Amino acid sequence: MRIQFEIKEKFPEIIEEIMNSEKWQTSVKEELSGRTTVVIRDQAYGSEATIEIYATSIEIKTAWSKVLLSHIRNQ
């Protein structure tokens, strides 16, 4: 799967890109205290990723990889 989003300096903007990108379809799977889990589906590639959003980090899991963006300051 090819996930593309522009890394911006502000954490809320990264979350906004994940939640509202025109590049993929986003659905909220679960909202718990301190964590939001979303699934993004890329129709062009027929694949998906699960993203866990925390207060100071984002974890992206695909069938082939796992990426952790952490210690991002809220600006």
Protein backbone atom coordinates (compact mmCIF):
# COMPACT_ATOMS: atom_id res chain seq x y z
CA MET A 1 0.00 0.00 0.00
CA ARG A 2 1.23 3.45 -0.71
CA ILE A 3 0.40 5.97 2.00
CA GLN A 4 1.27 9.54 1.23
CA PHE A 5 0.66 12.55 3.38
CA GLU A 6 2.61 15.68 3.94
CA ILE A 7 4.35 15.80 7.31
CA LYS A 8 3.68 19.22 8.72
CA GLU A 9 5.15 20.85 11.78
CA LYS A 10 1.90 20.93 13.71
CA PHE A 11 0.51 17.70 15.12
CA PRO A 12 -3.17 18.67 14.58
CA GLU A 13 -2.45 19.18 10.88
CA ILE A 14 -1.01 15.67 10.57
CA ILE A 15 -4.16 14.26 12.16
CA GLU A 16 -6.32 16.40 9.85
CA GLU A 17 -4.49 14.98 6.81
CA ILE A 18 -5.03 11.41 8.03
CA MET A 19 -8.71 11.95 8.80
CA ASN A 20 -9.66 13.99 5.71
CA SER A 21 -7.33 13.11 2.85
CA GLU A 22 -8.69 12.79 -0.67
CA LYS A 23 -6.02 10.11 -1.28
CA TRP A 24 -7.83 7.41 0.73
CA GLN A 25 -11.07 6.54 2.47
CA THR A 26 -10.97 6.95 6.27
CA SER A 27 -13.25 5.32 8.81
CA VAL A 28 -13.08 5.62 12.59
CA LYS A 29 -12.93 2.13 14.04
CA GLU A 30 -12.74 2.93 17.76
CA GLU A 31 -12.46 5.92 20.07
CA LEU A 32 -11.19 5.24 23.58
CA SER A 33 -9.81 7.59 26.17
CA GLY A 34 -6.48 8.75 24.79
CA ARG A 35 -6.59 6.73 21.55
CA THR A 36 -8.44 6.93 18.25
CA THR A 37 -8.12 3.99 15.89
CA VAL A 38 -8.90 4.59 12.22
CA VAL A 39 -8.68 2.45 9.12
CA ILE A 40 -7.67 3.98 5.82
CA ARG A 41 -8.39 2.24 2.53
CA ASP A 42 -6.57 3.01 -0.66
CA GLN A 43 -8.95 2.05 -3.47
CA ALA A 44 -6.28 2.47 -6.16
CA TYR A 45 -4.04 -0.19 -4.55
CA GLY A 46 -6.77 -2.32 -2.95
CA SER A 47 -5.16 -2.23 0.48
CA GLU A 48 -5.59 -0.71 3.91
CA ALA A 49 -3.75 0.44 7.02
CA THR A 50 -4.72 0.82 10.65
CA ILE A 51 -3.67 4.04 12.38
CA GLU A 52 -3.69 4.61 16.12
CA ILE A 53 -3.65 8.26 17.10
CA TYR A 54 -2.53 9.20 20.61
CA ALA A 55 -1.91 12.59 22.24
CA THR A 56 1.77 12.69 21.23
CA SER A 57 2.22 9.88 18.72
CA ILE A 58 0.77 8.15 15.69
CA GLU A 59 1.28 4.47 14.87
CA ILE A 60 0.61 3.24 11.34
CA LYS A 61 0.34 -0.50 10.65
CA THR A 62 0.05 -2.10 7.23
CA ALA A 63 0.32 -5.72 6.20
CA TRP A 64 3.99 -5.09 5.36
CA SER A 65 5.19 -2.46 7.78
CA LYS A 66 4.77 -0.56 11.02
CA VAL A 67 5.66 3.14 11.41
CA LEU A 68 5.68 5.11 14.63
CA LEU A 69 5.74 8.91 14.64
CA SER A 70 6.38 9.94 18.21
CA HIS A 71 7.41 12.81 20.43
CA ILE A 72 5.74 15.26 18.17
CA ARG A 73 5.20 18.57 19.91
CA ASN A 74 1.81 20.22 19.71
CA GLN A 75 2.46 23.65 18.34
